[in-house]
Amino acid sequence: MKIYFAHPSFDELQRQFKKTFLDKITSELSKTRYNNDISIIDPFKYAPDVEGSLEIKLEMAEAIKAECIRLLSESDLIIALTDGNDTGTAFEAGYAYAVNKPVILISREDCSTANAMLLGAAKAAVNNILDDEQIARLIGLIKFFYGVWKASRKNPQNN
């Protein structure tokens, strides 16, 4: 199962959050029997940060959008960070919702401050995501969606 992590990563605070979050979730997933079946996709590994240059952003916008749509299409679950009101994250979550992929919202503090449409598109929301109990809750949600994903791939004659 592929999990797309929708998030801003344009300043040092956002990049540090991303590193801490990915380290925690990867560590917790490694303790489960699903570890080898679940991968997390960070779109920033596939598309450059172009926010520092309007010229480059305009030149690369179509290619970045196409790459992120490709990654979203290949994903089975989307985790979206609501902090910072990032329009790219909202676009990714909206696209995922439109193509019937489950979205889980996360926040460093409180997901309820997100846009109402984003809240309405989500299957679940996890606040205070860097808290160990909340990471455990997110892992539980991932396990649930993994079970749904796995069951949807079973061949009826193999039941």
N, C-alpha and C. Protein backbone atom coordinates (compact mmCIF):
# COMPACT_ATOMS: atom_id res chain seq x y z
N MET A 1 0.84 -1.17 0.00
CA MET A 1 0.00 0.00 0.00
C MET A 1 0.89 1.24 0.00
N LYS A 2 0.53 2.20 -0.82
CA LYS A 2 1.28 3.45 -0.90
C LYS A 2 0.49 4.57 -0.23
N ILE A 3 1.19 5.32 0.61
CA ILE A 3 0.61 6.45 1.32
C ILE A 3 1.27 7.72 0.81
N TYR A 4 0.47 8.62 0.30
CA TYR A 4 0.95 9.92 -0.19
C TYR A 4 0.88 10.90 0.97
N PHE A 5 1.99 11.56 1.29
CA PHE A 5 2.04 12.54 2.36
C PHE A 5 1.99 13.94 1.78
N ALA A 6 0.81 14.56 1.81
CA ALA A 6 0.60 15.91 1.30
C ALA A 6 0.95 16.91 2.40
N HIS A 7 1.86 17.82 2.09
CA HIS A 7 2.35 18.76 3.10
C HIS A 7 3.16 19.87 2.46
N PRO A 8 3.22 21.02 3.12
CA PRO A 8 4.16 22.05 2.66
C PRO A 8 5.55 21.73 3.20
N SER A 9 6.55 22.13 2.45
CA SER A 9 7.93 21.92 2.89
C SER A 9 8.80 23.03 2.29
N PHE A 10 8.43 24.25 2.61
CA PHE A 10 9.07 25.40 1.97
C PHE A 10 9.99 26.19 2.89
N ASP A 11 9.91 25.97 4.20
CA ASP A 11 10.81 26.67 5.11
C ASP A 11 11.40 25.66 6.10
N GLU A 12 12.32 26.12 6.90
CA GLU A 12 13.04 25.22 7.80
C GLU A 12 12.11 24.56 8.83
N LEU A 13 11.16 25.30 9.36
CA LEU A 13 10.22 24.74 10.33
C LEU A 13 9.40 23.61 9.70
N GLN A 14 8.93 23.80 8.48
CA GLN A 14 8.16 22.77 7.78
C GLN A 14 9.03 21.56 7.47
N ARG A 15 10.25 21.79 7.04
CA ARG A 15 11.15 20.67 6.73
C ARG A 15 11.51 19.89 7.99
N GLN A 16 11.70 20.58 9.12
CA GLN A 16 12.01 19.90 10.37
C GLN A 16 10.81 19.08 10.84
N PHE A 17 9.60 19.64 10.71
CA PHE A 17 8.41 18.87 11.06
C PHE A 17 8.33 17.61 10.22
N LYS A 18 8.53 17.76 8.92
CA LYS A 18 8.46 16.61 8.01
C LYS A 18 9.44 15.53 8.43
N LYS A 19 10.66 15.90 8.72
CA LYS A 19 11.67 14.91 9.12
C LYS A 19 11.24 14.21 10.41
N THR A 20 10.82 14.97 11.41
CA THR A 20 10.40 14.38 12.68
C THR A 20 9.21 13.45 12.48
N PHE A 21 8.20 13.92 11.73
CA PHE A 21 7.01 13.11 11.50
C PHE A 21 7.36 11.82 10.75
N LEU A 22 8.11 11.95 9.66
CA LEU A 22 8.45 10.75 8.88
C LEU A 22 9.31 9.78 9.68
N ASP A 23 10.23 10.30 10.51
CA ASP A 23 11.03 9.42 11.37
C ASP A 23 10.13 8.66 12.34
N LYS A 24 9.18 9.36 12.95
CA LYS A 24 8.29 8.72 13.93
C LYS A 24 7.39 7.68 13.26
N ILE A 25 6.77 8.04 12.16
CA ILE A 25 5.83 7.11 11.53
C ILE A 25 6.57 5.91 10.94
N THR A 26 7.74 6.14 10.38
CA THR A 26 8.53 5.04 9.83
C THR A 26 8.97 4.09 10.94
N SER A 27 9.39 4.66 12.06
CA SER A 27 9.80 3.84 13.20
C SER A 27 8.64 2.99 13.70
N GLU A 28 7.47 3.60 13.83
CA GLU A 28 6.31 2.85 14.33
C GLU A 28 5.84 1.81 13.31
N LEU A 29 5.85 2.14 12.04
CA LEU A 29 5.46 1.16 11.02
C LEU A 29 6.42 -0.03 11.00
N SER A 30 7.70 0.23 11.29
CA SER A 30 8.70 -0.85 11.27
C SER A 30 8.42 -1.88 12.36
N LYS A 31 7.64 -1.52 13.37
CA LYS A 31 7.30 -2.44 14.45
C LYS A 31 6.08 -3.29 14.13
N THR A 32 5.47 -3.05 12.98
CA THR A 32 4.26 -3.79 12.61
C THR A 32 4.59 -4.85 11.57
N ARG A 33 3.68 -5.77 11.39
CA ARG A 33 3.87 -6.80 10.38
C ARG A 33 3.60 -6.28 8.97
N TYR A 34 3.12 -5.03 8.88
CA TYR A 34 2.80 -4.43 7.59
C TYR A 34 3.97 -3.64 7.00
N ASN A 35 5.04 -3.54 7.73
CA ASN A 35 6.15 -2.67 7.36
C ASN A 35 6.58 -2.84 5.90
N ASN A 36 6.72 -4.07 5.43
CA ASN A 36 7.21 -4.29 4.07
C ASN A 36 6.15 -4.04 3.01
N ASP A 37 4.89 -3.91 3.42
CA ASP A 37 3.80 -3.71 2.48
C ASP A 37 3.34 -2.26 2.38
N ILE A 38 3.90 -1.38 3.20
CA ILE A 38 3.48 0.01 3.24
C ILE A 38 4.66 0.92 2.96
N SER A 39 4.47 1.83 2.03
CA SER A 39 5.51 2.83 1.76
C SER A 39 4.89 4.22 1.78
N ILE A 40 5.68 5.19 2.19
CA ILE A 40 5.20 6.57 2.25
C ILE A 40 5.88 7.36 1.15
N ILE A 41 5.05 8.04 0.38
CA ILE A 41 5.54 8.84 -0.74
C ILE A 41 5.59 10.31 -0.31
N ASP A 42 6.76 10.90 -0.40
CA ASP A 42 6.95 12.33 -0.16
C ASP A 42 7.08 12.99 -1.53
N PRO A 43 6.08 13.76 -1.97
CA PRO A 43 6.14 14.34 -3.31
C PRO A 43 7.34 15.25 -3.53
N PHE A 44 7.92 15.77 -2.46
CA PHE A 44 9.07 16.65 -2.61
C PHE A 44 10.32 15.88 -3.06
N LYS A 45 10.28 14.56 -3.00
CA LYS A 45 11.39 13.76 -3.55
C LYS A 45 11.29 13.65 -5.06
N TYR A 46 10.13 14.00 -5.61
CA TYR A 46 9.87 13.84 -7.04
C TYR A 46 9.70 15.16 -7.77
N ALA A 47 9.41 16.22 -7.04
CA ALA A 47 9.18 17.53 -7.65
C ALA A 47 9.99 18.57 -6.88
N PRO A 48 10.65 19.46 -7.59
CA PRO A 48 11.50 20.45 -6.92
C PRO A 48 10.68 21.52 -6.20
N ASP A 49 11.27 22.13 -5.19
CA ASP A 49 10.68 23.29 -4.53
C ASP A 49 10.98 24.50 -5.41
N VAL A 50 9.96 25.06 -6.02
CA VAL A 50 10.15 26.17 -6.95
C VAL A 50 9.61 27.48 -6.40
N GLU A 51 9.22 27.48 -5.14
CA GLU A 51 8.57 28.66 -4.56
C GLU A 51 9.49 29.88 -4.48
N GLY A 52 10.79 29.71 -4.58
CA GLY A 52 11.71 30.84 -4.47
C GLY A 52 11.84 31.66 -5.74
N SER A 53 11.34 31.16 -6.85
CA SER A 53 11.49 31.87 -8.13
C SER A 53 10.19 31.80 -8.92
N LEU A 54 9.57 32.94 -9.13
CA LEU A 54 8.32 32.99 -9.90
C LEU A 54 8.53 32.46 -11.31
N GLU A 55 9.63 32.80 -11.94
CA GLU A 55 9.90 32.35 -13.31
C GLU A 55 10.00 30.83 -13.38
N ILE A 56 10.76 30.24 -12.47
CA ILE A 56 10.91 28.78 -12.46
C ILE A 56 9.59 28.11 -12.09
N LYS A 57 8.85 28.69 -11.13
CA LYS A 57 7.57 28.12 -10.74
C LYS A 57 6.61 28.08 -11.93
N LEU A 58 6.53 29.17 -12.67
CA LEU A 58 5.64 29.21 -13.83
C LEU A 58 6.08 28.23 -14.91
N GLU A 59 7.38 28.10 -15.08
CA GLU A 59 7.93 27.18 -16.08
C GLU A 59 7.69 25.72 -15.70
N MET A 60 7.75 25.40 -14.42
CA MET A 60 7.67 24.02 -13.95
C MET A 60 6.28 23.60 -13.47
N ALA A 61 5.33 24.53 -13.38
CA ALA A 61 4.03 24.27 -12.75
C ALA A 61 3.31 23.07 -13.36
N GLU A 62 3.23 22.99 -14.65
CA GLU A 62 2.51 21.89 -15.30
C GLU A 62 3.18 20.55 -15.03
N ALA A 63 4.50 20.51 -15.10
CA ALA A 63 5.23 19.26 -14.86
C ALA A 63 5.09 18.81 -13.40
N ILE A 64 5.14 19.76 -12.48
CA ILE A 64 4.99 19.41 -11.06
C ILE A 64 3.59 18.89 -10.80
N LYS A 65 2.58 19.56 -11.34
CA LYS A 65 1.20 19.10 -11.16
C LYS A 65 1.03 17.70 -11.73
N ALA A 66 1.55 17.46 -12.92
CA ALA A 66 1.42 16.14 -13.55
C ALA A 66 2.11 15.06 -12.72
N GLU A 67 3.27 15.36 -12.18
CA GLU A 67 4.00 14.38 -11.36
C GLU A 67 3.24 14.08 -10.06
N CYS A 68 2.72 15.11 -9.43
CA CYS A 68 1.97 14.89 -8.19
C CYS A 68 0.68 14.13 -8.46
N ILE A 69 0.00 14.41 -9.56
CA ILE A 69 -1.20 13.66 -9.93
C ILE A 69 -0.84 12.19 -10.17
N ARG A 70 0.27 11.94 -10.83
CA ARG A 70 0.71 10.57 -11.06
C ARG A 70 0.95 9.86 -9.73
N LEU A 71 1.65 10.51 -8.81
CA LEU A 71 1.93 9.92 -7.50
C LEU A 71 0.64 9.69 -6.71
N LEU A 72 -0.27 10.64 -6.76
CA LEU A 72 -1.56 10.47 -6.08
C LEU A 72 -2.33 9.31 -6.69
N SER A 73 -2.30 9.19 -8.00
CA SER A 73 -3.03 8.11 -8.68
C SER A 73 -2.49 6.74 -8.29
N GLU A 74 -1.20 6.66 -8.03
CA GLU A 74 -0.57 5.40 -7.65
C GLU A 74 -0.72 5.11 -6.15
N SER A 75 -1.22 6.07 -5.40
CA SER A 75 -1.33 5.92 -3.95
C SER A 75 -2.69 5.35 -3.57
N ASP A 76 -2.73 4.78 -2.37
CA ASP A 76 -3.94 4.15 -1.87
C ASP A 76 -4.57 4.91 -0.71
N LEU A 77 -3.78 5.76 -0.07
CA LEU A 77 -4.22 6.52 1.10
C LEU A 77 -3.44 7.83 1.10
N ILE A 78 -4.10 8.91 1.51
CA ILE A 78 -3.44 10.21 1.56
C ILE A 78 -3.47 10.70 3.00
N ILE A 79 -2.30 11.14 3.48
CA ILE A 79 -2.20 11.82 4.76
C ILE A 79 -1.89 13.27 4.43
N ALA A 80 -2.73 14.19 4.92
CA ALA A 80 -2.58 15.61 4.58
C ALA A 80 -2.38 16.45 5.83
N LEU A 81 -1.30 17.20 5.86
CA LEU A 81 -1.00 18.11 6.97
C LEU A 81 -1.79 19.40 6.77
N THR A 82 -2.63 19.73 7.74
CA THR A 82 -3.50 20.91 7.61
C THR A 82 -2.82 22.20 8.01
N ASP A 83 -1.71 22.15 8.71
CA ASP A 83 -1.05 23.36 9.21
C ASP A 83 -0.58 24.24 8.07
N GLY A 84 -0.75 25.53 8.24
CA GLY A 84 -0.23 26.49 7.28
C GLY A 84 -1.17 26.82 6.13
N ASN A 85 -2.34 26.21 6.08
CA ASN A 85 -3.30 26.50 5.01
C ASN A 85 -2.66 26.44 3.63
N ASP A 86 -1.90 25.40 3.38
CA ASP A 86 -1.19 25.24 2.11
C ASP A 86 -2.17 24.87 1.00
N THR A 87 -2.21 25.67 -0.05
CA THR A 87 -3.15 25.40 -1.15
C THR A 87 -2.77 24.15 -1.92
N GLY A 88 -1.49 23.80 -1.99
CA GLY A 88 -1.08 22.57 -2.66
C GLY A 88 -1.60 21.35 -1.94
N THR A 89 -1.52 21.37 -0.61
CA THR A 89 -2.04 20.26 0.18
C THR A 89 -3.55 20.14 -0.01
N ALA A 90 -4.25 21.27 -0.02
CA ALA A 90 -5.70 21.26 -0.23
C ALA A 90 -6.03 20.69 -1.62
N PHE A 91 -5.26 21.06 -2.64
CA PHE A 91 -5.47 20.53 -3.98
C PHE A 91 -5.29 19.01 -3.98
N GLU A 92 -4.20 18.54 -3.35
CA GLU A 92 -3.91 17.09 -3.31
C GLU A 92 -5.01 16.33 -2.59
N ALA A 93 -5.46 16.85 -1.45
CA ALA A 93 -6.53 16.18 -0.70
C ALA A 93 -7.84 16.21 -1.49
N GLY A 94 -8.12 17.32 -2.15
CA GLY A 94 -9.33 17.41 -2.97
C GLY A 94 -9.30 16.44 -4.14
N TYR A 95 -8.15 16.34 -4.79
CA TYR A 95 -8.01 15.39 -5.89
C TYR A 95 -8.22 13.96 -5.38
N ALA A 96 -7.59 13.64 -4.26
CA ALA A 96 -7.73 12.29 -3.69
C ALA A 96 -9.19 11.99 -3.39
N TYR A 97 -9.88 12.93 -2.79
CA TYR A 97 -11.29 12.74 -2.49
C TYR A 97 -12.09 12.51 -3.78
N ALA A 98 -11.80 13.30 -4.80
CA ALA A 98 -12.55 13.21 -6.06
C ALA A 98 -12.36 11.86 -6.75
N VAL A 99 -11.21 11.22 -6.54
CA VAL A 99 -10.98 9.91 -7.16
C VAL A 99 -11.17 8.77 -6.15
N ASN A 100 -11.85 9.10 -5.04
CA ASN A 100 -12.29 8.09 -4.07
C ASN A 100 -11.15 7.43 -3.29
N LYS A 101 -10.14 8.20 -2.94
CA LYS A 101 -9.06 7.69 -2.10
C LYS A 101 -9.23 8.29 -0.71
N PRO A 102 -9.09 7.49 0.33
CA PRO A 102 -9.28 8.02 1.68
C PRO A 102 -8.20 9.03 2.06
N VAL A 103 -8.65 10.06 2.79
CA VAL A 103 -7.77 11.13 3.25
C VAL A 103 -7.82 11.17 4.77
N ILE A 104 -6.64 11.19 5.39
CA ILE A 104 -6.51 11.40 6.83
C ILE A 104 -5.81 12.74 7.03
N LEU A 105 -6.43 13.62 7.78
CA LEU A 105 -5.82 14.91 8.10
C LEU A 105 -4.98 14.77 9.36
N ILE A 106 -3.86 15.47 9.39
CA ILE A 106 -3.03 15.54 10.59
C ILE A 106 -2.68 17.00 10.84
N SER A 107 -2.36 17.29 12.09
CA SER A 107 -1.95 18.64 12.46
C SER A 107 -1.00 18.58 13.64
N ARG A 108 -0.10 19.54 13.70
CA ARG A 108 0.75 19.66 14.88
C ARG A 108 -0.08 20.05 16.08
N GLU A 109 -1.20 20.74 15.82
CA GLU A 109 -2.06 21.19 16.92
C GLU A 109 -3.49 20.70 16.74
N ASP A 110 -4.25 21.32 15.83
CA ASP A 110 -5.68 21.05 15.76
C ASP A 110 -6.18 21.11 14.31
N CYS A 111 -6.62 19.99 13.80
CA CYS A 111 -7.11 19.92 12.42
C CYS A 111 -8.36 20.75 12.19
N SER A 112 -9.11 21.03 13.25
CA SER A 112 -10.38 21.74 13.07
C SER A 112 -10.20 23.17 12.58
N THR A 113 -8.99 23.67 12.57
CA THR A 113 -8.74 25.01 12.04
C THR A 113 -8.63 25.00 10.51
N ALA A 114 -8.65 23.82 9.90
CA ALA A 114 -8.55 23.71 8.44
C ALA A 114 -9.85 24.17 7.78
N ASN A 115 -9.79 24.40 6.49
CA ASN A 115 -10.94 24.76 5.69
C ASN A 115 -12.03 23.70 5.82
N ALA A 116 -13.29 24.11 5.83
CA ALA A 116 -14.41 23.19 5.99
C ALA A 116 -14.46 22.13 4.90
N MET A 117 -14.11 22.48 3.68
CA MET A 117 -14.13 21.48 2.59
C MET A 117 -13.08 20.40 2.82
N LEU A 118 -11.92 20.80 3.31
CA LEU A 118 -10.87 19.84 3.62
C LEU A 118 -11.33 18.92 4.75
N LEU A 119 -11.92 19.49 5.77
CA LEU A 119 -12.45 18.68 6.87
C LEU A 119 -13.53 17.71 6.37
N GLY A 120 -14.38 18.19 5.47
CA GLY A 120 -15.45 17.36 4.93
C GLY A 120 -14.96 16.23 4.05
N ALA A 121 -13.80 16.39 3.45
CA ALA A 121 -13.26 15.37 2.56
C ALA A 121 -12.54 14.25 3.31
N ALA A 122 -12.23 14.49 4.57
CA ALA A 122 -11.39 13.54 5.33
C ALA A 122 -12.21 12.40 5.94
N LYS A 123 -11.61 11.24 5.98
CA LYS A 123 -12.18 10.09 6.68
C LYS A 123 -11.86 10.15 8.17
N ALA A 124 -10.75 10.82 8.52
CA ALA A 124 -10.33 10.91 9.92
C ALA A 124 -9.39 12.10 10.07
N ALA A 125 -9.23 12.54 11.31
CA ALA A 125 -8.31 13.64 11.61
C ALA A 125 -7.57 13.29 12.91
N VAL A 126 -6.28 13.59 12.93
CA VAL A 126 -5.45 13.31 14.10
C VAL A 126 -4.73 14.59 14.49
N ASN A 127 -5.05 15.09 15.68
CA ASN A 127 -4.42 16.30 16.20
C ASN A 127 -3.14 15.96 16.94
N ASN A 128 -2.33 16.98 17.22
CA ASN A 128 -1.09 16.82 18.00
C ASN A 128 -0.29 15.62 17.50
N ILE A 129 -0.06 15.57 16.22
CA ILE A 129 0.45 14.36 15.55
C ILE A 129 1.84 13.93 16.03
N LEU A 130 2.62 14.81 16.57
CA LEU A 130 3.95 14.38 17.03
C LEU A 130 3.92 13.73 18.40
N ASP A 131 2.77 13.76 19.07
CA ASP A 131 2.58 13.08 20.34
C ASP A 131 2.57 11.57 20.10
N ASP A 132 3.25 10.83 20.92
CA ASP A 132 3.36 9.38 20.71
C ASP A 132 2.01 8.67 20.67
N GLU A 133 1.07 9.10 21.51
CA GLU A 133 -0.26 8.48 21.48
C GLU A 133 -0.98 8.76 20.17
N GLN A 134 -0.77 9.94 19.63
CA GLN A 134 -1.44 10.30 18.38
C GLN A 134 -0.78 9.59 17.19
N ILE A 135 0.52 9.40 17.24
CA ILE A 135 1.19 8.60 16.20
C ILE A 135 0.63 7.18 16.25
N ALA A 136 0.45 6.64 17.45
CA ALA A 136 -0.12 5.29 17.59
C ALA A 136 -1.54 5.25 17.01
N ARG A 137 -2.30 6.31 17.24
CA ARG A 137 -3.65 6.38 16.67
C ARG A 137 -3.59 6.39 15.14
N LEU A 138 -2.66 7.16 14.59
CA LEU A 138 -2.50 7.21 13.13
C LEU A 138 -2.10 5.83 12.60
N ILE A 139 -1.21 5.15 13.29
CA ILE A 139 -0.80 3.80 12.87
C ILE A 139 -2.02 2.88 12.86
N GLY A 140 -2.88 3.01 13.85
CA GLY A 140 -4.11 2.22 13.89
C GLY A 140 -5.00 2.50 12.69
N LEU A 141 -5.12 3.76 12.31
CA LEU A 141 -5.90 4.12 11.12
C LEU A 141 -5.27 3.54 9.86
N ILE A 142 -3.95 3.62 9.77
CA ILE A 142 -3.26 3.07 8.62
C ILE A 142 -3.49 1.56 8.53
N LYS A 143 -3.42 0.87 9.67
CA LYS A 143 -3.69 -0.57 9.69
C LYS A 143 -5.10 -0.86 9.21
N PHE A 144 -6.07 -0.06 9.65
CA PHE A 144 -7.45 -0.24 9.21
C PHE A 144 -7.54 -0.09 7.69
N PHE A 145 -7.00 0.99 7.15
CA PHE A 145 -7.08 1.22 5.71
C PHE A 145 -6.25 0.19 4.94
N TYR A 146 -5.18 -0.30 5.55
CA TYR A 146 -4.43 -1.39 4.93
C TYR A 146 -5.32 -2.62 4.78
N GLY A 147 -6.07 -2.95 5.83
CA GLY A 147 -6.98 -4.09 5.78
C GLY A 147 -8.02 -3.93 4.69
N VAL A 148 -8.58 -2.73 4.57
CA VAL A 148 -9.56 -2.46 3.52
C VAL A 148 -8.91 -2.59 2.15
N TRP A 149 -7.71 -2.02 2.02
CA TRP A 149 -6.97 -2.08 0.75
C TRP A 149 -6.66 -3.53 0.39
N LYS A 150 -6.18 -4.29 1.35
CA LYS A 150 -5.81 -5.69 1.11
C LYS A 150 -7.05 -6.51 0.71
N ALA A 151 -8.16 -6.29 1.41
CA ALA A 151 -9.39 -7.02 1.10
C ALA A 151 -9.90 -6.68 -0.30
N SER A 152 -9.69 -5.45 -0.73
CA SER A 152 -10.17 -5.06 -2.06
C SER A 152 -9.36 -5.69 -3.18
N ARG A 153 -8.20 -6.24 -2.85
CA ARG A 153 -7.35 -6.86 -3.86
C ARG A 153 -7.48 -8.37 -3.91
N LYS A 154 -8.28 -8.93 -3.02
CA LYS A 154 -8.46 -10.38 -3.01
C LYS A 154 -9.25 -10.82 -4.23
N ASN A 155 -8.82 -11.89 -4.77
CA ASN A 155 -9.52 -12.50 -5.89
C ASN A 155 -10.64 -13.36 -5.33
N PRO A 156 -11.90 -13.18 -5.77
CA PRO A 156 -13.03 -13.92 -5.18
C PRO A 156 -12.81 -15.43 -5.18
N GLN A 157 -12.15 -15.99 -6.18
CA GLN A 157 -11.95 -17.44 -6.21
C GLN A 157 -10.92 -17.89 -5.16
N ASN A 158 -10.19 -16.96 -4.56
CA ASN A 158 -9.22 -17.33 -3.52
C ASN A 158 -9.80 -17.22 -2.11
N ASN A 159 -11.05 -16.84 -1.97
CA ASN A 159 -11.65 -16.67 -0.64
C ASN A 159 -11.92 -18.00 0.03
